[in-house]
Amino acid sequence: MDDFDYILENGISFGKGGQKKADDGKVKTKAKKKKYVTGAHGSGAAIQKAKYRQNRANRHKGKR
């Protein structure tokens, strides 16, 4: 019996996955990383978002 026939008759059995990693407290989202927020990693979308964030942060500075 070759491998193909064996698989047809018995199916494929996948083992259990590895252990889950414990929460190490690191930042998991790009949105919170400094280079992403400031647009420093070179993505055009990130640079555009950084520009909008900067404009929003400076929006009410003249009213003080």
Protein backbone atom coordinates (compact mmCIF):
# COMPACT_ATOMS: atom_id res chain seq x y z
CA MET A 1 0.00 0.00 0.00
CA ASP A 2 1.54 3.33 -0.97
CA ASP A 3 1.14 6.59 0.92
CA PHE A 4 -1.74 7.86 -1.21
CA ASP A 5 -3.90 4.79 -0.59
CA TYR A 6 -3.06 4.90 3.11
CA ILE A 7 -4.17 8.53 3.31
CA LEU A 8 -7.39 7.76 1.41
CA GLU A 9 -8.28 4.92 3.74
CA ASN A 10 -7.15 6.39 7.07
CA GLY A 11 -7.14 10.15 6.54
CA ILE A 12 -4.54 12.63 7.69
CA SER A 13 -3.98 13.09 11.41
CA PHE A 14 -2.61 16.45 12.49
CA GLY A 15 -0.93 16.68 15.88
CA LYS A 16 -1.65 19.30 18.48
CA GLY A 17 -0.11 22.73 18.01
CA GLY A 18 2.70 24.10 20.13
CA GLN A 19 2.19 25.73 23.46
CA LYS A 20 0.67 29.19 23.53
CA LYS A 21 3.09 31.99 24.31
CA ALA A 22 2.57 33.71 27.62
CA ASP A 23 1.66 37.40 27.49
CA ASP A 24 4.99 39.24 27.64
CA GLY A 25 3.51 42.74 27.89
CA LYS A 26 4.94 43.94 24.56
CA VAL A 27 3.11 46.25 22.18
CA LYS A 28 1.31 44.06 19.67
CA THR A 29 -0.25 46.60 17.33
CA LYS A 30 1.50 48.77 14.79
CA ALA A 31 -0.66 51.74 15.69
CA LYS A 32 1.07 52.14 19.07
CA LYS A 33 4.67 51.86 17.87
CA LYS A 34 6.49 55.17 17.70
CA LYS A 35 7.92 54.74 14.20
CA TYR A 36 4.49 53.91 12.83
CA VAL A 37 2.77 56.81 14.57
CA THR A 38 5.35 59.33 13.34
CA GLY A 39 5.51 57.88 9.80
CA ALA A 40 9.25 57.23 10.13
CA HIS A 41 9.18 53.75 8.59
CA GLY A 42 8.51 55.16 5.13
CA SER A 43 4.99 53.94 4.35
CA GLY A 44 3.07 56.56 2.42
CA ALA A 45 -0.11 55.85 4.36
CA ALA A 46 1.70 56.16 7.68
CA ILE A 47 3.28 59.47 6.67
CA GLN A 48 -0.17 60.75 5.64
CA LYS A 49 -1.70 59.59 8.94
CA ALA A 50 1.17 61.17 10.88
CA LYS A 51 0.51 64.46 9.09
CA TYR A 52 -3.18 64.30 10.06
CA ARG A 53 -2.28 63.48 13.67
CA GLN A 54 0.13 66.41 13.81
CA ASN A 55 -2.49 68.77 12.39
CA ARG A 56 -5.06 67.53 14.89
CA ALA A 57 -2.62 67.96 17.79
CA ASN A 58 -1.85 71.54 16.75
CA ARG A 59 -5.45 72.50 15.94
CA HIS A 60 -6.30 74.52 19.08
CA LYS A 61 -2.87 75.85 20.05
CA GLY A 62 -3.66 79.44 18.94
CA LYS A 63 -6.60 79.86 21.30
CA ARG A 64 -4.47 79.78 24.47
